[in-house]
Amino acid sequence: MLIGQVLPRFIEDWEQGKTRYLQSNSYDQVIPMKGQPKFGGWIFNGFDTRKKPDTKEVVKTGADQAQFGKIKQSIQSELIPRLRDIKSYTAIPDFITTDPVASIEDLNVMAPDSIVQNKPIKYLRKARPTRENVGSGSWSVYQAALMDKMDGEYNSLAKFIVDKF
């Protein structure tokens, strides 16, 4: 996992550079307080879901569920222990768990349409799709529901960031 490799290395590099800098600039009161990145959680994105046959339950597809499990396990067994080994400060806030702070599904054709029309997903539902092969010239019921669901997920993520940071 990229963040599991990058964040601990960044912290190590920062601490080494800061130590060298402060050896000749001990008067500096700003630098000692800088360079303390924290793991604020993770976002699982770009996955597909399917409705289970004969139910209303929606689940991640098999491959995406497997990937989700691998990421979660890697965070628990690799990233969090490495960050807890940092002694100069706390790199993991108390509110962090191994669960994602948001889950953003693959928006397939909606994301490119959002870019082309210069409209956030939140407002795209009221716009017509730009694809020529859309028979009705409107979003499907599934696509409209997914837009609403992702709008809620974005709002939840924003609230998490505002409340926690």
N, C-alpha and C. Protein backbone atom coordinates (compact mmCIF):
# COMPACT_ATOMS: atom_id res chain seq x y z
N MET A 1 0.85 -1.16 0.00
CA MET A 1 0.00 0.00 0.00
C MET A 1 0.90 1.23 0.00
N LEU A 2 0.63 2.14 -0.88
CA LEU A 2 1.48 3.30 -1.06
C LEU A 2 1.59 4.18 0.18
N ILE A 3 0.47 4.54 0.80
CA ILE A 3 0.54 5.42 1.97
C ILE A 3 1.28 4.73 3.12
N GLY A 4 1.16 3.42 3.18
CA GLY A 4 1.86 2.66 4.22
C GLY A 4 3.37 2.73 4.06
N GLN A 5 3.83 3.01 2.87
CA GLN A 5 5.26 3.16 2.64
C GLN A 5 5.68 4.62 2.68
N VAL A 6 4.88 5.49 2.10
CA VAL A 6 5.25 6.90 1.95
C VAL A 6 5.22 7.65 3.27
N LEU A 7 4.14 7.53 4.02
CA LEU A 7 3.99 8.33 5.24
C LEU A 7 5.09 8.03 6.26
N PRO A 8 5.36 6.78 6.59
CA PRO A 8 6.44 6.53 7.55
C PRO A 8 7.81 7.02 7.04
N ARG A 9 8.09 6.86 5.76
CA ARG A 9 9.37 7.34 5.23
C ARG A 9 9.45 8.86 5.26
N PHE A 10 8.35 9.53 4.93
CA PHE A 10 8.33 10.99 5.00
C PHE A 10 8.64 11.45 6.41
N ILE A 11 8.01 10.82 7.37
CA ILE A 11 8.21 11.21 8.77
C ILE A 11 9.67 11.01 9.17
N GLU A 12 10.25 9.88 8.79
CA GLU A 12 11.66 9.62 9.09
C GLU A 12 12.55 10.66 8.44
N ASP A 13 12.35 10.95 7.17
CA ASP A 13 13.15 11.95 6.46
C ASP A 13 12.99 13.33 7.09
N TRP A 14 11.76 13.70 7.43
CA TRP A 14 11.51 14.99 8.04
C TRP A 14 12.26 15.10 9.36
N GLU A 15 12.16 14.09 10.20
CA GLU A 15 12.81 14.13 11.51
C GLU A 15 14.32 14.26 11.37
N GLN A 16 14.93 13.54 10.43
CA GLN A 16 16.38 13.65 10.21
C GLN A 16 16.75 15.06 9.75
N GLY A 17 16.01 15.59 8.78
CA GLY A 17 16.29 16.94 8.29
C GLY A 17 16.07 18.00 9.35
N LYS A 18 15.02 17.84 10.13
CA LYS A 18 14.72 18.79 11.19
C LYS A 18 15.83 18.78 12.24
N THR A 19 16.29 17.61 12.60
CA THR A 19 17.37 17.50 13.58
C THR A 19 18.63 18.21 13.08
N ARG A 20 19.01 17.96 11.82
CA ARG A 20 20.20 18.63 11.26
C ARG A 20 20.01 20.15 11.23
N TYR A 21 18.83 20.61 10.82
CA TYR A 21 18.56 22.04 10.74
C TYR A 21 18.65 22.68 12.13
N LEU A 22 18.04 22.07 13.11
CA LEU A 22 17.99 22.66 14.45
C LEU A 22 19.34 22.64 15.16
N GLN A 23 20.25 21.79 14.72
CA GLN A 23 21.59 21.80 15.31
C GLN A 23 22.29 23.13 15.09
N SER A 24 22.03 23.77 13.96
CA SER A 24 22.65 25.08 13.70
C SER A 24 21.65 26.23 13.77
N ASN A 25 20.41 25.95 14.08
CA ASN A 25 19.38 26.99 14.17
C ASN A 25 18.51 26.76 15.41
N SER A 26 19.15 26.57 16.53
CA SER A 26 18.42 26.21 17.76
C SER A 26 17.43 27.28 18.22
N TYR A 27 17.60 28.50 17.74
CA TYR A 27 16.70 29.60 18.11
C TYR A 27 15.33 29.49 17.45
N ASP A 28 15.22 28.70 16.38
CA ASP A 28 13.98 28.60 15.60
C ASP A 28 12.88 27.98 16.45
N GLN A 29 11.78 28.72 16.59
CA GLN A 29 10.64 28.23 17.38
C GLN A 29 9.53 27.65 16.51
N VAL A 30 9.63 27.80 15.19
CA VAL A 30 8.57 27.36 14.29
C VAL A 30 8.81 25.93 13.82
N ILE A 31 9.99 25.64 13.34
CA ILE A 31 10.27 24.32 12.75
C ILE A 31 10.02 23.16 13.72
N PRO A 32 10.35 23.28 15.00
CA PRO A 32 10.07 22.13 15.89
C PRO A 32 8.61 21.70 15.93
N MET A 33 7.69 22.61 15.59
CA MET A 33 6.26 22.29 15.64
C MET A 33 5.72 21.80 14.30
N LYS A 34 6.53 21.79 13.27
CA LYS A 34 6.10 21.41 11.93
C LYS A 34 6.46 19.96 11.63
N GLY A 35 5.82 19.44 10.57
CA GLY A 35 6.18 18.11 10.08
C GLY A 35 5.69 16.98 10.93
N GLN A 36 4.47 17.09 11.40
CA GLN A 36 3.90 16.02 12.20
C GLN A 36 2.63 15.49 11.53
N PRO A 37 2.78 14.87 10.34
CA PRO A 37 1.59 14.36 9.65
C PRO A 37 0.93 13.25 10.46
N LYS A 38 -0.36 13.22 10.36
CA LYS A 38 -1.14 12.20 11.06
C LYS A 38 -1.95 11.41 10.04
N PHE A 39 -2.21 10.17 10.37
CA PHE A 39 -3.06 9.34 9.54
C PHE A 39 -4.49 9.65 9.92
N GLY A 40 -5.21 10.33 9.02
CA GLY A 40 -6.57 10.75 9.30
C GLY A 40 -7.62 9.78 8.81
N GLY A 41 -7.20 8.62 8.34
CA GLY A 41 -8.14 7.63 7.84
C GLY A 41 -7.94 7.39 6.35
N TRP A 42 -8.77 6.54 5.80
CA TRP A 42 -8.63 6.20 4.38
C TRP A 42 -10.00 6.16 3.73
N ILE A 43 -9.98 6.30 2.41
CA ILE A 43 -11.20 6.30 1.61
C ILE A 43 -11.12 5.13 0.63
N PHE A 44 -12.14 4.29 0.64
CA PHE A 44 -12.21 3.21 -0.35
C PHE A 44 -13.02 3.74 -1.51
N ASN A 45 -12.41 3.78 -2.68
CA ASN A 45 -13.12 4.36 -3.83
C ASN A 45 -12.92 3.53 -5.09
N GLY A 46 -13.81 3.81 -6.05
CA GLY A 46 -13.71 3.18 -7.36
C GLY A 46 -14.21 1.75 -7.41
N PHE A 47 -15.01 1.35 -6.46
CA PHE A 47 -15.49 -0.04 -6.43
C PHE A 47 -16.90 -0.12 -7.02
N ASP A 48 -17.26 -1.33 -7.39
CA ASP A 48 -18.59 -1.58 -7.93
C ASP A 48 -19.42 -2.37 -6.93
N THR A 49 -20.72 -2.17 -6.97
CA THR A 49 -21.63 -2.93 -6.12
C THR A 49 -22.67 -3.62 -6.99
N ARG A 50 -23.26 -4.62 -6.44
CA ARG A 50 -24.33 -5.36 -7.10
C ARG A 50 -25.39 -5.69 -6.06
N LYS A 51 -26.62 -5.74 -6.52
CA LYS A 51 -27.71 -6.17 -5.64
C LYS A 51 -27.70 -7.69 -5.59
N LYS A 52 -27.77 -8.22 -4.38
CA LYS A 52 -27.83 -9.68 -4.24
C LYS A 52 -29.14 -10.16 -4.85
N PRO A 53 -29.10 -11.27 -5.58
CA PRO A 53 -30.33 -11.79 -6.19
C PRO A 53 -31.43 -12.03 -5.15
N ASP A 54 -32.63 -11.66 -5.49
CA ASP A 54 -33.82 -11.88 -4.67
C ASP A 54 -33.77 -11.15 -3.32
N THR A 55 -32.95 -10.12 -3.21
CA THR A 55 -32.90 -9.32 -1.98
C THR A 55 -32.76 -7.84 -2.37
N LYS A 56 -32.80 -6.99 -1.36
CA LYS A 56 -32.54 -5.57 -1.57
C LYS A 56 -31.13 -5.20 -1.13
N GLU A 57 -30.39 -6.20 -0.62
CA GLU A 57 -29.05 -5.95 -0.11
C GLU A 57 -28.07 -5.67 -1.25
N VAL A 58 -27.31 -4.57 -1.11
CA VAL A 58 -26.30 -4.19 -2.09
C VAL A 58 -24.93 -4.47 -1.48
N VAL A 59 -24.09 -5.18 -2.23
CA VAL A 59 -22.77 -5.56 -1.73
C VAL A 59 -21.70 -5.23 -2.77
N LYS A 60 -20.46 -5.11 -2.29
CA LYS A 60 -19.34 -4.92 -3.21
C LYS A 60 -19.18 -6.19 -4.04
N THR A 61 -18.72 -6.02 -5.30
CA THR A 61 -18.46 -7.20 -6.12
C THR A 61 -17.34 -8.01 -5.47
N GLY A 62 -17.21 -9.26 -5.87
CA GLY A 62 -16.24 -10.16 -5.26
C GLY A 62 -14.82 -9.63 -5.26
N ALA A 63 -14.35 -9.17 -6.42
CA ALA A 63 -12.98 -8.66 -6.52
C ALA A 63 -12.81 -7.41 -5.67
N ASP A 64 -13.79 -6.53 -5.69
CA ASP A 64 -13.69 -5.30 -4.89
C ASP A 64 -13.76 -5.60 -3.40
N GLN A 65 -14.57 -6.56 -3.01
CA GLN A 65 -14.63 -6.95 -1.60
C GLN A 65 -13.29 -7.53 -1.16
N ALA A 66 -12.66 -8.33 -2.01
CA ALA A 66 -11.35 -8.89 -1.69
C ALA A 66 -10.31 -7.78 -1.54
N GLN A 67 -10.33 -6.81 -2.45
CA GLN A 67 -9.40 -5.68 -2.37
C GLN A 67 -9.63 -4.88 -1.09
N PHE A 68 -10.89 -4.65 -0.75
CA PHE A 68 -11.25 -3.94 0.48
C PHE A 68 -10.63 -4.65 1.69
N GLY A 69 -10.79 -5.95 1.74
CA GLY A 69 -10.24 -6.73 2.85
C GLY A 69 -8.72 -6.63 2.93
N LYS A 70 -8.05 -6.67 1.78
CA LYS A 70 -6.59 -6.56 1.76
C LYS A 70 -6.13 -5.19 2.27
N ILE A 71 -6.79 -4.14 1.84
CA ILE A 71 -6.41 -2.79 2.27
C ILE A 71 -6.61 -2.65 3.78
N LYS A 72 -7.77 -3.08 4.25
CA LYS A 72 -8.08 -2.97 5.67
C LYS A 72 -7.07 -3.76 6.51
N GLN A 73 -6.73 -4.95 6.06
CA GLN A 73 -5.75 -5.78 6.77
C GLN A 73 -4.37 -5.13 6.76
N SER A 74 -3.99 -4.56 5.63
CA SER A 74 -2.69 -3.89 5.52
C SER A 74 -2.61 -2.68 6.45
N ILE A 75 -3.69 -1.95 6.54
CA ILE A 75 -3.71 -0.79 7.45
C ILE A 75 -3.53 -1.27 8.89
N GLN A 76 -4.24 -2.34 9.24
CA GLN A 76 -4.19 -2.85 10.60
C GLN A 76 -2.83 -3.47 10.94
N SER A 77 -2.28 -4.25 10.03
CA SER A 77 -1.07 -5.00 10.36
C SER A 77 0.23 -4.31 9.97
N GLU A 78 0.16 -3.34 9.03
CA GLU A 78 1.40 -2.69 8.59
C GLU A 78 1.45 -1.20 8.91
N LEU A 79 0.48 -0.45 8.41
CA LEU A 79 0.54 1.00 8.55
C LEU A 79 0.42 1.46 10.00
N ILE A 80 -0.61 1.04 10.69
CA ILE A 80 -0.83 1.51 12.06
C ILE A 80 0.33 1.12 12.97
N PRO A 81 0.83 -0.11 12.93
CA PRO A 81 1.99 -0.42 13.78
C PRO A 81 3.23 0.44 13.46
N ARG A 82 3.48 0.70 12.18
CA ARG A 82 4.64 1.54 11.83
C ARG A 82 4.46 2.95 12.34
N LEU A 83 3.25 3.48 12.25
CA LEU A 83 3.02 4.83 12.73
C LEU A 83 3.04 4.90 14.26
N ARG A 84 2.64 3.85 14.91
CA ARG A 84 2.69 3.83 16.38
C ARG A 84 4.13 3.76 16.89
N ASP A 85 5.04 3.30 16.05
CA ASP A 85 6.46 3.25 16.42
C ASP A 85 7.11 4.64 16.45
N ILE A 86 6.45 5.63 15.92
CA ILE A 86 6.98 7.00 15.94
C ILE A 86 6.93 7.49 17.38
N LYS A 87 8.06 7.88 17.89
CA LYS A 87 8.14 8.27 19.31
C LYS A 87 8.07 9.78 19.52
N SER A 88 8.36 10.57 18.50
CA SER A 88 8.43 12.02 18.68
C SER A 88 7.06 12.68 18.81
N TYR A 89 6.01 12.05 18.34
CA TYR A 89 4.66 12.57 18.45
C TYR A 89 3.67 11.46 18.10
N THR A 90 2.39 11.72 18.29
CA THR A 90 1.35 10.74 17.99
C THR A 90 0.87 10.93 16.56
N ALA A 91 1.13 9.95 15.72
CA ALA A 91 0.78 10.03 14.30
C ALA A 91 -0.59 9.45 14.00
N ILE A 92 -1.22 8.84 15.00
CA ILE A 92 -2.56 8.27 14.80
C ILE A 92 -3.50 8.83 15.86
N PRO A 93 -4.44 9.68 15.44
CA PRO A 93 -5.41 10.22 16.40
C PRO A 93 -6.25 9.09 17.02
N ASP A 94 -6.76 9.34 18.20
CA ASP A 94 -7.53 8.32 18.92
C ASP A 94 -8.79 7.86 18.19
N PHE A 95 -9.34 8.71 17.32
CA PHE A 95 -10.60 8.38 16.66
C PHE A 95 -10.42 7.47 15.44
N ILE A 96 -9.21 7.18 15.04
CA ILE A 96 -8.95 6.38 13.84
C ILE A 96 -9.19 4.89 14.09
N THR A 97 -9.88 4.27 13.15
CA THR A 97 -10.07 2.81 13.17
C THR A 97 -9.56 2.27 11.83
N THR A 98 -9.69 0.99 11.63
CA THR A 98 -9.29 0.40 10.35
C THR A 98 -10.39 0.52 9.30
N ASP A 99 -11.55 1.01 9.69
CA ASP A 99 -12.64 1.19 8.73
C ASP A 99 -12.40 2.46 7.91
N PRO A 100 -12.86 2.46 6.66
CA PRO A 100 -12.68 3.67 5.85
C PRO A 100 -13.55 4.81 6.38
N VAL A 101 -13.07 6.04 6.20
CA VAL A 101 -13.87 7.20 6.61
C VAL A 101 -14.90 7.53 5.56
N ALA A 102 -14.75 6.99 4.36
CA ALA A 102 -15.74 7.17 3.29
C ALA A 102 -15.59 6.03 2.29
N SER A 103 -16.67 5.74 1.61
CA SER A 103 -16.68 4.73 0.54
C SER A 103 -17.32 5.36 -0.69
N ILE A 104 -16.51 5.58 -1.70
CA ILE A 104 -16.97 6.26 -2.91
C ILE A 104 -17.00 5.24 -4.05
N GLU A 105 -18.19 4.89 -4.48
CA GLU A 105 -18.34 3.90 -5.54
C GLU A 105 -17.83 4.43 -6.87
N ASP A 106 -17.59 3.51 -7.80
CA ASP A 106 -17.20 3.87 -9.15
C ASP A 106 -18.38 4.58 -9.80
N LEU A 107 -18.15 5.79 -10.24
CA LEU A 107 -19.24 6.57 -10.82
C LEU A 107 -19.31 6.43 -12.33
N ASN A 108 -18.59 5.47 -12.87
CA ASN A 108 -18.65 5.09 -14.28
C ASN A 108 -18.76 6.29 -15.20
N VAL A 109 -19.88 6.45 -15.88
CA VAL A 109 -20.04 7.53 -16.85
C VAL A 109 -20.38 8.86 -16.19
N MET A 110 -20.79 8.84 -14.94
CA MET A 110 -21.19 10.08 -14.28
C MET A 110 -20.00 10.99 -14.01
N ALA A 111 -18.87 10.44 -13.60
CA ALA A 111 -17.70 11.28 -13.31
C ALA A 111 -17.22 12.03 -14.54
N PRO A 112 -17.04 11.35 -15.70
CA PRO A 112 -16.65 12.10 -16.88
C PRO A 112 -17.69 13.16 -17.28
N ASP A 113 -18.97 12.83 -17.12
CA ASP A 113 -20.01 13.79 -17.44
C ASP A 113 -19.94 15.00 -16.51
N SER A 114 -19.61 14.75 -15.26
CA SER A 114 -19.45 15.83 -14.30
C SER A 114 -18.35 16.79 -14.76
N ILE A 115 -17.28 16.24 -15.28
CA ILE A 115 -16.16 17.06 -15.77
C ILE A 115 -16.58 17.81 -17.03
N VAL A 116 -17.16 17.10 -17.99
CA VAL A 116 -17.54 17.72 -19.26
C VAL A 116 -18.55 18.85 -19.04
N GLN A 117 -19.51 18.62 -18.16
CA GLN A 117 -20.56 19.62 -17.92
C GLN A 117 -20.17 20.64 -16.85
N ASN A 118 -19.01 20.42 -16.23
CA ASN A 118 -18.54 21.33 -15.18
C ASN A 118 -19.58 21.46 -14.06
N LYS A 119 -20.11 20.29 -13.66
CA LYS A 119 -21.10 20.26 -12.59
C LYS A 119 -20.69 19.19 -11.58
N PRO A 120 -20.74 19.52 -10.30
CA PRO A 120 -20.49 18.50 -9.28
C PRO A 120 -21.53 17.38 -9.39
N ILE A 121 -21.17 16.20 -8.98
CA ILE A 121 -22.10 15.05 -9.01
C ILE A 121 -23.42 15.43 -8.35
N LYS A 122 -23.36 16.21 -7.29
CA LYS A 122 -24.56 16.63 -6.56
C LYS A 122 -25.60 17.28 -7.47
N TYR A 123 -25.14 18.04 -8.47
CA TYR A 123 -26.06 18.76 -9.35
C TYR A 123 -26.20 18.11 -10.72
N LEU A 124 -25.47 17.06 -10.96
CA LEU A 124 -25.50 16.41 -12.27
C LEU A 124 -26.83 15.71 -12.53
N ARG A 125 -27.47 15.27 -11.49
CA ARG A 125 -28.72 14.53 -11.63
C ARG A 125 -29.77 15.34 -12.39
N LYS A 126 -29.74 16.66 -12.23
CA LYS A 126 -30.72 17.52 -12.89
C LYS A 126 -30.31 17.85 -14.32
N ALA A 127 -29.09 17.46 -14.70
CA ALA A 127 -28.60 17.73 -16.07
C ALA A 127 -28.81 16.49 -16.94
N ARG A 128 -28.85 16.69 -18.22
CA ARG A 128 -28.98 15.57 -19.16
C ARG A 128 -27.61 14.96 -19.40
N PRO A 129 -27.54 13.64 -19.52
CA PRO A 129 -26.25 13.01 -19.85
C PRO A 129 -25.77 13.49 -21.23
N THR A 130 -24.48 13.57 -21.41
CA THR A 130 -23.93 14.03 -22.69
C THR A 130 -23.67 12.87 -23.64
N ARG A 131 -23.74 11.66 -23.16
CA ARG A 131 -23.48 10.50 -24.03
C ARG A 131 -24.57 10.39 -25.09
N GLU A 132 -24.15 10.10 -26.27
CA GLU A 132 -25.09 9.99 -27.39
C GLU A 132 -25.92 8.71 -27.35
N ASN A 133 -25.41 7.68 -26.70
CA ASN A 133 -26.10 6.39 -26.74
C ASN A 133 -27.13 6.22 -25.62
N VAL A 134 -27.44 7.28 -24.91
CA VAL A 134 -28.46 7.18 -23.86
C VAL A 134 -29.82 7.32 -24.53
N GLY A 135 -30.59 6.25 -24.49
CA GLY A 135 -31.86 6.23 -25.19
C GLY A 135 -32.85 7.28 -24.74
N SER A 136 -33.06 7.40 -23.44
CA SER A 136 -34.08 8.32 -22.94
C SER A 136 -33.56 9.74 -22.76
N GLY A 137 -32.26 9.91 -22.85
CA GLY A 137 -31.69 11.24 -22.64
C GLY A 137 -31.69 11.66 -21.18
N SER A 138 -31.87 10.70 -20.27
CA SER A 138 -31.83 11.02 -18.85
C SER A 138 -31.08 9.91 -18.10
N TRP A 139 -30.74 10.20 -16.89
CA TRP A 139 -30.01 9.23 -16.08
C TRP A 139 -30.94 8.08 -15.69
N SER A 140 -30.38 6.89 -15.59
CA SER A 140 -31.18 5.75 -15.16
C SER A 140 -31.53 5.90 -13.68
N VAL A 141 -32.52 5.16 -13.24
CA VAL A 141 -32.92 5.19 -11.84
C VAL A 141 -31.73 4.81 -10.96
N TYR A 142 -30.97 3.79 -11.39
CA TYR A 142 -29.80 3.36 -10.63
C TYR A 142 -28.76 4.48 -10.54
N GLN A 143 -28.48 5.14 -11.67
CA GLN A 143 -27.48 6.22 -11.68
C GLN A 143 -27.93 7.38 -10.79
N ALA A 144 -29.19 7.75 -10.87
CA ALA A 144 -29.71 8.84 -10.03
C ALA A 144 -29.60 8.47 -8.55
N ALA A 145 -29.93 7.23 -8.21
CA ALA A 145 -29.83 6.78 -6.81
C ALA A 145 -28.37 6.79 -6.35
N LEU A 146 -27.46 6.38 -7.23
CA LEU A 146 -26.04 6.38 -6.89
C LEU A 146 -25.54 7.81 -6.68
N MET A 147 -25.99 8.74 -7.50
CA MET A 147 -25.61 10.15 -7.31
C MET A 147 -26.06 10.63 -5.93
N ASP A 148 -27.28 10.31 -5.57
CA ASP A 148 -27.79 10.72 -4.25
C ASP A 148 -26.99 10.06 -3.12
N LYS A 149 -26.70 8.79 -3.29
CA LYS A 149 -25.93 8.06 -2.28
C LYS A 149 -24.54 8.67 -2.11
N MET A 150 -23.88 8.98 -3.24
CA MET A 150 -22.54 9.56 -3.17
C MET A 150 -22.58 10.98 -2.62
N ASP A 151 -23.63 11.72 -2.89
CA ASP A 151 -23.78 13.05 -2.31
C ASP A 151 -23.80 12.93 -0.78
N GLY A 152 -24.54 11.96 -0.28
CA GLY A 152 -24.57 11.72 1.17
C GLY A 152 -23.20 11.32 1.70
N GLU A 153 -22.48 10.52 0.94
CA GLU A 153 -21.14 10.08 1.36
C GLU A 153 -20.16 11.25 1.39
N TYR A 154 -20.24 12.12 0.38
CA TYR A 154 -19.39 13.32 0.35
C TYR A 154 -19.71 14.22 1.54
N ASN A 155 -20.99 14.40 1.84
CA ASN A 155 -21.38 15.22 2.99
C ASN A 155 -20.87 14.63 4.29
N SER A 156 -20.96 13.32 4.42
CA SER A 156 -20.48 12.64 5.61
C SER A 156 -18.96 12.80 5.75
N LEU A 157 -18.24 12.69 4.64
CA LEU A 157 -16.79 12.86 4.66
C LEU A 157 -16.43 14.30 5.05
N ALA A 158 -17.13 15.27 4.48
CA ALA A 158 -16.86 16.67 4.83
C ALA A 158 -17.11 16.91 6.32
N LYS A 159 -18.18 16.36 6.86
CA LYS A 159 -18.47 16.52 8.28
C LYS A 159 -17.37 15.88 9.12
N PHE A 160 -16.89 14.70 8.71
CA PHE A 160 -15.80 14.04 9.43
C PHE A 160 -14.57 14.94 9.49
N ILE A 161 -14.21 15.52 8.35
CA ILE A 161 -13.02 16.38 8.28
C ILE A 161 -13.19 17.61 9.15
N VAL A 162 -14.35 18.27 9.05
CA VAL A 162 -14.61 19.47 9.83
C VAL A 162 -14.62 19.16 11.33
N ASP A 163 -15.28 18.09 11.71
CA ASP A 163 -15.39 17.73 13.12
C ASP A 163 -14.09 17.25 13.75
N LYS A 164 -13.27 16.54 12.96
CA LYS A 164 -12.07 15.91 13.52
C LYS A 164 -10.79 16.73 13.35
N PHE A 165 -10.78 17.61 12.36
CA PHE A 165 -9.53 18.32 12.08
C PHE A 165 -9.75 19.80 12.19
